[in-house]
């Protein structure tokens, strides 16, 4: 093979990464805006975070082909943090800027992830039982559902969206319905069309156009600012940079830092296992993640978003699987996702303010559906739903009890307590009661 032929093939491989990067960027920008709105920090910083996290982690991470960004579990904990700050967490520190404190938590989360990687703790991901992982994912889904229903109806101390409740509810239901139905309709036309135009993005566009055409009096998305020049970005950093580092504030931040670090650890490394397996199936060779390098990159990315008041993230399962399905074969594809998201943000930020707030409630209700681990529930109910009642349950009573317990503690207390407590309970049950159905729960 001549040098010219090799150069041509290399150039061709590089160009092949453009379409996967562009396709996944549409999903990333939609979810970035949705998670920004859910967090209370604004759609603009959600999109900016999606671009920055994807760019940094794809360039330096230990998973060669991937897409990271704001995720539902990380955003759910961020909501708890923002709510706690707004509910008086800083009453004893009246001189502390709430936004800068939140950014301090994110910065400490990033630094903690880097420390975890330096101590090479990534290998312990395989010790977390699948039952516990299922439980906390289910709990996160419930938190998202409860939060969005509260926003629609003004429950749980939340202020309902402006406008008629029935109108907002209709917008939400239409959005959810489109996100479920569009993939089926698009696949009938063209499988390629279905992947290139994600259902979430199309649903947002359709419902927004309808709301504008009908001139609906509803609450629209708040960008939380705008970026027109480098000076705007510089001013954003100056106004958000965490500058208060007292010991008392760090103590207040620690519980949230622990939750976000643990969640980023789990979210990222579990997704990396899925990606490694998918690469092996698709391409016939092993592409094993370097877990500590991946955690370090996630730490750098989360520290970076804290500098401009962003939202935290981790490796995202849906986006990582999608970029592989779209034909990504190089690290460059993930980098391009971040680049395209930032370009799209600059091009379309004025249009984002036209989106009804209730649209993102619909998006997030669907995200909660995707996060919820339905498989164990179906397996547990199989003898009831199936034709044969004599067939044993694929998930036992003890296994389901662990899932439900983890989910309840995640919802009622917090993620860290849920994962630590029920991991200990799992091993105690397996060790002292020697239940056969728990033996394979780590595989």
Protein backbone atom coordinates (compact mmCIF):
# COMPACT_ATOMS: atom_id res chain seq x y z
CA UNK A 1 0.00 0.00 0.00
CA UNK A 2 1.46 3.35 -1.02
CA UNK A 3 1.82 6.33 1.32
CA UNK A 4 -0.78 8.18 -0.75
CA UNK A 5 -3.30 5.35 -0.37
CA UNK A 6 -2.73 5.17 3.39
CA UNK A 7 -3.24 8.94 3.68
CA UNK A 8 -6.45 8.68 1.66
CA UNK A 9 -7.78 5.90 3.91
CA UNK A 10 -6.87 7.84 7.05
CA UNK A 11 -8.60 10.95 5.68
CA UNK A 12 -11.64 8.84 4.81
CA UNK A 13 -11.76 7.42 8.35
CA UNK A 14 -11.62 10.92 9.80
CA UNK A 15 -14.47 12.11 7.57
CA UNK A 16 -16.53 9.09 8.62
CA UNK A 17 -16.56 10.42 12.19
CA UNK A 18 -18.38 13.61 11.17
CA UNK A 19 -21.85 12.10 10.78
CA UNK A 20 -21.87 10.19 14.11
CA UNK A 21 -20.60 13.32 15.85
CA UNK A 22 -23.25 15.51 14.25
CA UNK A 23 -26.09 13.05 14.88
CA UNK A 24 -25.31 12.55 18.55
CA UNK A 25 -24.82 16.30 19.05
CA UNK A 26 -28.55 16.78 18.35
CA UNK A 27 -29.38 14.41 21.21
CA UNK A 28 -26.74 16.00 23.45
CA UNK A 29 -27.99 19.55 22.91
CA UNK A 30 -31.62 18.52 23.55
CA UNK A 31 -30.80 16.68 26.78
CA UNK A 32 -28.32 19.35 27.86
CA UNK A 33 -31.06 21.98 27.64
CA UNK A 34 -33.56 19.69 29.41
CA UNK A 35 -31.19 18.88 32.27
CA UNK A 36 -30.21 22.55 32.55
CA UNK A 37 -33.87 23.46 32.98
CA UNK A 38 -34.45 20.61 35.45
CA UNK A 39 -31.46 21.66 37.55
CA UNK A 40 -32.70 25.22 37.83
CA UNK A 41 -29.45 26.59 36.41
CA UNK A 42 -30.81 27.35 32.93
CA UNK A 43 -30.90 25.78 29.49
CA UNK A 44 -27.88 27.70 28.22
CA UNK A 45 -25.43 26.38 30.82
CA UNK A 46 -26.92 22.91 30.37
CA UNK A 47 -26.05 22.98 26.67
CA UNK A 48 -22.65 24.53 27.34
CA UNK A 49 -21.97 21.78 29.90
CA UNK A 50 -23.00 19.11 27.38
CA UNK A 51 -20.45 20.45 24.90
CA UNK A 52 -17.57 20.94 27.35
CA UNK A 53 -17.98 17.57 29.09
CA UNK A 54 -18.25 15.68 25.80
CA UNK A 55 -15.18 17.44 24.39
CA UNK A 56 -12.91 16.89 27.40
CA UNK A 57 -13.86 13.30 28.20
CA UNK A 58 -13.72 12.13 24.58
CA UNK A 59 -10.29 13.69 24.16
CA UNK A 60 -8.71 12.40 27.37
CA UNK A 61 -10.93 9.60 28.70
CA UNK A 62 -10.14 5.93 29.13
CA UNK A 63 -13.08 4.78 26.99
CA UNK A 64 -11.89 5.32 23.43
CA UNK A 65 -15.30 5.75 21.77
CA UNK A 66 -17.89 7.37 24.00
CA UNK A 67 -20.07 10.39 24.68
CA UNK A 68 -20.32 12.00 28.10
CA UNK A 69 -22.44 14.88 29.33
CA UNK A 70 -25.11 15.83 31.84
CA UNK A 71 -27.12 12.75 32.86
CA UNK A 72 -30.42 12.22 34.62
CA UNK A 73 -28.94 10.79 37.85
CA UNK A 74 -26.30 13.54 38.15
CA UNK A 75 -28.93 16.20 37.46
CA UNK A 76 -31.30 14.73 40.04
CA UNK A 77 -28.66 15.17 42.75
CA UNK A 78 -27.94 18.68 41.44
CA UNK A 79 -31.63 19.50 41.89
CA UNK A 80 -31.38 18.38 45.53
CA UNK A 81 -28.32 20.61 45.95
CA UNK A 82 -29.99 23.66 44.36
CA UNK A 83 -33.15 23.04 46.42
CA UNK A 84 -31.14 22.75 49.66
CA UNK A 85 -29.31 26.00 48.94
CA UNK A 86 -32.60 27.74 48.20
CA UNK A 87 -34.17 26.34 51.37
CA UNK A 88 -31.70 27.82 53.81
CA UNK A 89 -28.58 25.65 53.69
CA UNK A 90 -26.46 28.82 53.76
CA UNK A 91 -28.42 30.68 56.47
CA UNK A 92 -25.37 30.68 58.74
CA UNK A 93 -23.25 32.06 55.87
CA UNK A 94 -25.19 35.10 54.63
CA UNK A 95 -22.20 36.48 52.76
CA UNK A 96 -21.88 33.36 50.61
CA UNK A 97 -23.13 33.60 47.04
CA UNK A 98 -25.46 30.59 46.42
CA UNK A 99 -24.30 30.04 42.85
CA UNK A 100 -20.64 30.13 43.82
CA UNK A 101 -21.32 27.60 46.58
CA UNK A 102 -22.98 25.23 44.11
CA UNK A 103 -19.98 25.68 41.82
CA UNK A 104 -17.69 24.91 44.77
CA UNK A 105 -19.51 21.58 45.17
CA UNK A 106 -19.00 20.79 41.48
CA UNK A 107 -15.34 21.77 41.60
CA UNK A 108 -14.74 19.58 44.66
CA UNK A 109 -16.56 16.74 42.90
CA UNK A 110 -14.19 17.04 39.96
CA UNK A 111 -11.14 17.14 42.21
CA UNK A 112 -12.41 14.13 44.18
CA UNK A 113 -12.83 12.12 40.99
CA UNK A 114 -9.24 12.95 40.06
CA UNK A 115 -8.05 11.80 43.49
CA UNK A 116 -10.07 8.57 43.13
CA UNK A 117 -8.35 7.94 39.80
CA UNK A 118 -4.90 8.63 41.27
CA UNK A 119 -5.55 6.02 43.97
CA UNK A 120 -6.62 3.64 41.19
CA UNK A 121 -10.01 2.84 42.70
CA UNK A 122 -11.74 2.30 39.37
CA UNK A 123 -11.44 -1.47 39.64
CA UNK A 124 -13.96 -1.60 42.50
CA UNK A 125 -16.89 -0.90 40.14
CA UNK A 126 -17.36 -4.66 39.76
CA UNK A 127 -18.11 -5.03 43.48
CA UNK A 128 -21.40 -3.11 43.25
CA UNK A 129 -24.21 -5.71 42.90
CA UNK A 130 -26.50 -5.45 39.89
CA UNK A 131 -29.51 -5.50 42.20
CA UNK A 132 -28.29 -2.38 44.00
CA UNK A 133 -27.51 -0.64 40.72
CA UNK A 134 -31.01 -1.48 39.49
CA UNK A 135 -32.48 -0.06 42.70
CA UNK A 136 -30.70 3.27 42.62
CA UNK A 137 -31.44 3.78 38.90
CA UNK A 138 -35.11 3.11 39.63
CA UNK A 139 -34.97 5.55 42.54
CA UNK A 140 -33.45 8.26 40.33
CA UNK A 141 -36.26 7.73 37.79
CA UNK A 142 -38.86 8.17 40.53
CA UNK A 143 -37.15 11.38 41.68
CA UNK A 144 -37.34 12.78 38.15
CA UNK A 145 -41.01 11.84 37.77
CA UNK A 146 -41.96 13.32 41.14
CA UNK A 147 -40.08 16.54 40.37
CA UNK A 148 -41.72 17.08 36.98
CA UNK A 149 -45.22 16.23 38.21
CA UNK A 150 -44.65 18.68 41.06
CA UNK A 151 -43.69 21.40 38.57
CA UNK A 152 -46.75 20.75 36.40
CA UNK A 153 -49.28 20.75 39.23
CA UNK A 154 -47.54 22.90 41.84
CA UNK A 155 -47.10 20.01 44.28
CA UNK A 156 -44.42 19.47 46.92
CA UNK A 157 -43.90 23.18 47.49
CA UNK A 158 -43.06 23.82 43.82
CA UNK A 159 -44.42 26.76 41.89
CA UNK A 160 -46.47 25.55 38.90
CA UNK A 161 -45.58 26.71 35.41
CA UNK A 162 -47.20 29.95 34.29
CA UNK A 163 -50.36 29.59 32.25
CA UNK A 164 -53.22 27.14 32.33
CA UNK A 165 -52.39 23.81 33.99
CA UNK A 166 -54.42 21.90 31.39
CA UNK A 167 -52.49 23.57 28.55
CA UNK A 168 -49.13 22.76 30.12
CA UNK A 169 -50.24 19.19 30.79
CA UNK A 170 -51.37 18.81 27.17
CA UNK A 171 -47.98 20.08 25.93
CA UNK A 172 -46.20 17.59 28.19
CA UNK A 173 -48.35 14.65 27.10
CA UNK A 174 -47.99 15.55 23.41
CA UNK A 175 -44.21 15.72 23.82
CA UNK A 176 -44.05 12.33 25.54
CA UNK A 177 -46.34 10.79 22.93
CA UNK A 178 -44.24 12.11 20.03
CA UNK A 179 -40.99 10.87 21.57
CA UNK A 180 -42.47 7.37 21.85
CA UNK A 181 -44.20 7.33 18.44
CA UNK A 182 -41.76 9.13 16.16
CA UNK A 183 -39.10 6.39 16.12
CA UNK A 184 -41.71 3.89 14.90
CA UNK A 185 -42.95 6.25 12.18
CA UNK A 186 -39.46 7.27 11.06
CA UNK A 187 -38.26 3.65 10.89
CA UNK A 188 -41.08 2.90 8.47
CA UNK A 189 -39.76 5.65 6.20
CA UNK A 190 -36.02 5.11 6.63
CA UNK A 191 -33.84 3.63 9.36
CA UNK A 192 -31.18 6.20 8.56
CA UNK A 193 -33.69 9.03 8.88
CA UNK A 194 -34.68 7.74 12.31
CA UNK A 195 -31.10 7.84 13.59
CA UNK A 196 -30.10 11.15 12.03
CA UNK A 197 -33.15 13.03 13.35
CA UNK A 198 -33.60 11.95 16.98
CA UNK A 199 -37.20 11.74 18.17
CA UNK A 200 -36.49 13.99 21.15
CA UNK A 201 -35.25 16.84 18.95
CA UNK A 202 -38.13 16.52 16.45
CA UNK A 203 -40.70 16.44 19.28
CA UNK A 204 -39.24 19.62 20.79
CA UNK A 205 -39.35 21.39 17.41
CA UNK A 206 -42.92 20.26 16.54
CA UNK A 207 -44.46 21.16 19.90
CA UNK A 208 -42.61 24.49 20.04
CA UNK A 209 -43.83 25.43 16.54
CA UNK A 210 -47.39 24.50 17.52
CA UNK A 211 -47.20 26.63 20.67
CA UNK A 212 -45.92 29.61 18.69
CA UNK A 213 -48.46 29.15 15.88
CA UNK A 214 -51.34 28.89 18.36
CA UNK A 215 -49.89 31.75 20.42
CA UNK A 216 -50.25 29.78 23.64
CA UNK A 217 -49.85 31.75 26.86
CA UNK A 218 -47.41 29.41 28.60
CA UNK A 219 -44.11 29.69 30.42
CA UNK A 220 -41.15 29.58 28.05
CA UNK A 221 -37.65 28.30 28.74
CA UNK A 222 -35.26 30.70 30.43
CA UNK A 223 -31.79 30.51 28.95
CA UNK A 224 -30.26 32.01 32.08
CA UNK A 225 -28.09 34.31 29.97
CA UNK A 226 -26.60 34.52 26.50
CA UNK A 227 -23.19 34.23 24.88
CA UNK A 228 -22.50 36.54 21.97
CA UNK A 229 -18.75 36.98 22.32
CA UNK A 230 -15.67 35.86 24.24
CA UNK A 231 -16.27 38.79 26.58
CA UNK A 232 -19.66 37.32 27.54
CA UNK A 233 -17.99 33.99 28.31
CA UNK A 234 -15.31 35.75 30.34
CA UNK A 235 -17.93 37.65 32.34
CA UNK A 236 -19.80 34.39 32.97
CA UNK A 237 -16.68 32.79 34.42
CA UNK A 238 -15.89 35.86 36.54
CA UNK A 239 -19.42 35.89 38.00
CA UNK A 240 -19.51 32.14 38.71
CA UNK A 241 -15.96 31.25 39.75
CA UNK A 242 -16.00 29.58 43.20
CA UNK A 243 -13.86 31.91 45.31
CA UNK A 244 -15.03 31.16 48.88
CA UNK A 245 -13.13 28.26 50.43
CA UNK A 246 -13.77 28.37 54.17
CA UNK A 247 -13.62 25.10 56.14
CA UNK A 248 -17.26 25.53 57.20
CA UNK A 249 -18.42 25.79 53.58
CA UNK A 250 -16.40 22.75 52.58
CA UNK A 251 -18.08 20.76 55.38
CA UNK A 252 -21.48 21.83 54.04
CA UNK A 253 -20.43 20.76 50.56
CA UNK A 254 -19.08 17.31 51.52
CA UNK A 255 -22.40 15.33 51.55
CA UNK A 256 -23.26 16.55 48.05
CA UNK A 257 -19.70 16.00 46.83
CA UNK A 258 -19.83 12.39 48.04
CA UNK A 259 -23.15 11.77 46.30
CA UNK A 260 -22.07 13.32 43.01
CA UNK A 261 -18.69 11.58 43.06
CA UNK A 262 -20.21 8.19 43.76
CA UNK A 263 -22.83 8.70 41.09
CA UNK A 264 -20.29 9.86 38.50
CA UNK A 265 -18.16 6.83 39.38
CA UNK A 266 -21.05 4.39 38.97
CA UNK A 267 -22.66 6.07 35.97
CA UNK A 268 -19.37 6.36 34.09
CA UNK A 269 -17.80 2.99 34.73
CA UNK A 270 -21.01 1.00 34.32
CA UNK A 271 -21.54 2.69 30.95
CA UNK A 272 -17.94 1.93 30.02
CA UNK A 273 -18.62 -1.79 30.61
CA UNK A 274 -21.60 -1.58 28.26
CA UNK A 275 -19.53 0.24 25.62
CA UNK A 276 -16.64 -2.24 25.85
CA UNK A 277 -19.04 -5.13 25.35
CA UNK A 278 -20.75 -3.44 22.41
CA UNK A 279 -17.43 -2.70 20.68
CA UNK A 280 -16.46 -6.37 21.02
CA UNK A 281 -19.78 -7.52 19.56
CA UNK A 282 -19.76 -4.98 16.71
CA UNK A 283 -16.10 -5.06 15.70
CA UNK A 284 -14.84 -8.40 17.00
CA UNK A 285 -12.01 -7.02 19.12
CA UNK A 286 -11.68 -5.99 22.74
CA UNK A 287 -11.45 -2.28 23.48
CA UNK A 288 -11.13 -2.29 27.26
CA UNK A 289 -11.69 0.96 29.15
CA UNK A 290 -8.89 2.28 31.36
CA UNK A 291 -11.15 3.06 34.33
CA UNK A 292 -8.80 5.36 36.22
CA UNK A 293 -7.97 7.40 33.12
CA UNK A 294 -11.70 7.68 32.46
CA UNK A 295 -12.41 8.88 36.02
CA UNK A 296 -9.62 11.44 35.75
CA UNK A 297 -11.11 12.85 32.54
CA UNK A 298 -14.55 12.99 34.15
CA UNK A 299 -13.01 14.84 37.08
CA UNK A 300 -11.39 17.42 34.81
CA UNK A 301 -14.67 17.88 32.91
CA UNK A 302 -16.76 18.36 36.05
CA UNK A 303 -14.21 20.80 37.46
CA UNK A 304 -14.33 22.72 34.16
CA UNK A 305 -18.14 23.18 34.19
CA UNK A 306 -17.97 24.55 37.75
CA UNK A 307 -16.04 27.57 36.43
CA UNK A 308 -19.04 28.95 34.51
CA UNK A 309 -21.95 27.73 36.63
CA UNK A 310 -22.67 24.58 34.64
CA UNK A 311 -24.15 21.24 35.62
CA UNK A 312 -22.22 18.00 36.31
CA UNK A 313 -22.11 14.95 34.10
CA UNK A 314 -20.77 11.46 33.49
CA UNK A 315 -20.44 9.00 30.66
CA UNK A 316 -23.93 8.69 29.16
CA UNK A 317 -25.17 5.23 28.18
CA UNK A 318 -27.71 6.24 25.54
CA UNK A 319 -25.38 8.72 23.81
CA UNK A 320 -22.40 6.36 23.97
CA UNK A 321 -24.36 3.46 22.48
CA UNK A 322 -25.85 5.77 19.84
CA UNK A 323 -22.48 7.05 18.67
CA UNK A 324 -21.32 3.44 18.21
CA UNK A 325 -24.48 2.53 16.33
CA UNK A 326 -23.90 5.51 14.03
CA UNK A 327 -20.54 4.09 12.96
CA UNK A 328 -18.00 5.90 15.17
CA UNK A 329 -14.63 4.15 15.12
CA UNK A 330 -12.30 6.84 16.47
CA UNK A 331 -11.97 8.99 19.57
CA UNK A 332 -12.49 11.97 17.24
CA UNK A 333 -16.23 11.22 16.94
CA UNK A 334 -16.84 12.01 20.62
CA UNK A 335 -14.71 15.14 20.38
CA UNK A 336 -16.82 16.30 17.43
CA UNK A 337 -20.00 15.86 19.49
CA UNK A 338 -18.68 18.49 21.88
CA UNK A 339 -17.57 20.79 19.06
CA UNK A 340 -20.92 20.55 17.25
CA UNK A 341 -22.89 21.15 20.47
CA UNK A 342 -20.98 24.37 21.13
CA UNK A 343 -21.50 25.54 17.53
CA UNK A 344 -25.22 24.72 17.65
CA UNK A 345 -25.55 26.53 20.98
CA UNK A 346 -24.15 29.73 19.46
CA UNK A 347 -26.35 29.40 16.36
CA UNK A 348 -29.68 28.54 18.02
CA UNK A 349 -29.62 30.09 21.50
CA UNK A 350 -32.22 32.74 20.53
CA UNK A 351 -34.64 30.04 19.38
CA UNK A 352 -34.36 28.02 22.59
CA UNK A 353 -36.23 30.73 24.51
CA UNK A 354 -39.32 29.94 22.41
CA UNK A 355 -39.62 26.42 23.82
CA UNK A 356 -42.44 25.96 26.38
CA UNK A 357 -41.15 24.83 29.76
CA UNK A 358 -43.66 21.98 29.75
CA UNK A 359 -41.94 20.50 26.67
CA UNK A 360 -38.89 19.69 28.75
CA UNK A 361 -41.14 18.14 31.39
CA UNK A 362 -42.23 15.74 28.67
CA UNK A 363 -38.62 15.09 27.67
CA UNK A 364 -37.64 14.40 31.26
CA UNK A 365 -40.59 12.12 31.94
CA UNK A 366 -39.35 10.03 28.99
CA UNK A 367 -35.79 10.21 30.37
CA UNK A 368 -37.14 8.84 33.66
CA UNK A 369 -38.76 5.99 31.73
CA UNK A 370 -35.40 5.21 30.09
CA UNK A 371 -33.51 5.35 33.40
CA UNK A 372 -36.00 3.13 35.26
CA UNK A 373 -34.75 -0.47 35.24
CA UNK A 374 -37.79 -2.34 33.93
CA UNK A 375 -36.07 -5.68 33.29
CA UNK A 376 -36.02 -6.98 36.90
CA UNK A 377 -39.65 -5.92 37.36
CA UNK A 378 -40.72 -7.83 34.25
CA UNK A 379 -38.68 -10.85 35.31
CA UNK A 380 -40.13 -10.73 38.82
CA UNK A 381 -43.70 -10.55 37.47
CA UNK A 382 -43.12 -13.15 34.74
CA UNK A 383 -44.94 -16.05 36.47
CA UNK A 384 -47.95 -13.77 36.90
CA UNK A 385 -47.88 -12.22 33.42
CA UNK A 386 -46.75 -15.37 31.60
CA UNK A 387 -48.81 -18.38 30.66
CA UNK A 388 -47.21 -20.70 33.18
CA UNK A 389 -47.58 -20.01 36.89
CA UNK A 390 -45.37 -22.98 37.76
CA UNK A 391 -42.23 -21.44 36.21
CA UNK A 392 -39.89 -19.96 38.87
CA UNK A 393 -39.39 -16.22 39.06
CA UNK A 394 -36.29 -14.94 37.27
CA UNK A 395 -35.88 -12.37 40.06
CA UNK A 396 -36.59 -13.74 43.53
CA UNK A 397 -38.43 -12.09 46.42
CA UNK A 398 -35.14 -11.37 48.17
CA UNK A 399 -33.67 -9.81 45.02
CA UNK A 400 -36.72 -7.61 44.49
CA UNK A 401 -36.62 -6.57 48.16
CA UNK A 402 -33.06 -5.32 47.65
CA UNK A 403 -34.08 -3.39 44.52
CA UNK A 404 -37.11 -1.79 46.18
CA UNK A 405 -35.18 -1.01 49.36
CA UNK A 406 -32.37 0.68 47.42
CA UNK A 407 -34.90 2.68 45.39
CA UNK A 408 -36.82 3.83 48.47
CA UNK A 409 -33.68 4.94 50.33
CA UNK A 410 -32.48 6.75 47.19
CA UNK A 411 -35.77 8.67 47.02
CA UNK A 412 -36.28 9.29 50.74
CA UNK A 413 -32.67 9.83 51.93
CA UNK A 414 -29.94 9.92 49.29
CA UNK A 415 -28.03 7.88 46.77
CA UNK A 416 -24.84 7.39 48.79
CA UNK A 417 -26.64 5.92 51.80
CA UNK A 418 -28.68 3.66 49.50
CA UNK A 419 -25.71 2.24 47.58
CA UNK A 420 -23.44 1.75 50.62
CA UNK A 421 -26.13 0.34 52.90
CA UNK A 422 -27.63 -2.12 50.44
CA UNK A 423 -24.27 -3.25 49.09
CA UNK A 424 -23.39 -4.23 52.67
CA UNK A 425 -26.80 -5.86 53.12
CA UNK A 426 -26.33 -7.77 49.85
CA UNK A 427 -23.01 -9.26 50.91
CA UNK A 428 -24.31 -9.99 54.42
CA UNK A 429 -27.32 -11.87 53.04
CA UNK A 430 -25.19 -13.75 50.55
CA UNK A 431 -22.59 -14.63 53.17
CA UNK A 432 -24.72 -15.58 56.17
CA UNK A 433 -27.96 -16.77 54.58
CA UNK A 434 -26.28 -18.30 51.52
CA UNK A 435 -29.20 -17.49 49.21
CA UNK A 436 -28.58 -19.20 45.87
CA UNK A 437 -30.44 -16.58 43.84
CA UNK A 438 -27.96 -13.87 44.93
CA UNK A 439 -24.87 -15.79 43.88
CA UNK A 440 -24.91 -14.58 40.27
CA UNK A 441 -25.91 -10.97 40.94
CA UNK A 442 -22.47 -9.55 40.31
CA UNK A 443 -22.03 -11.08 36.84
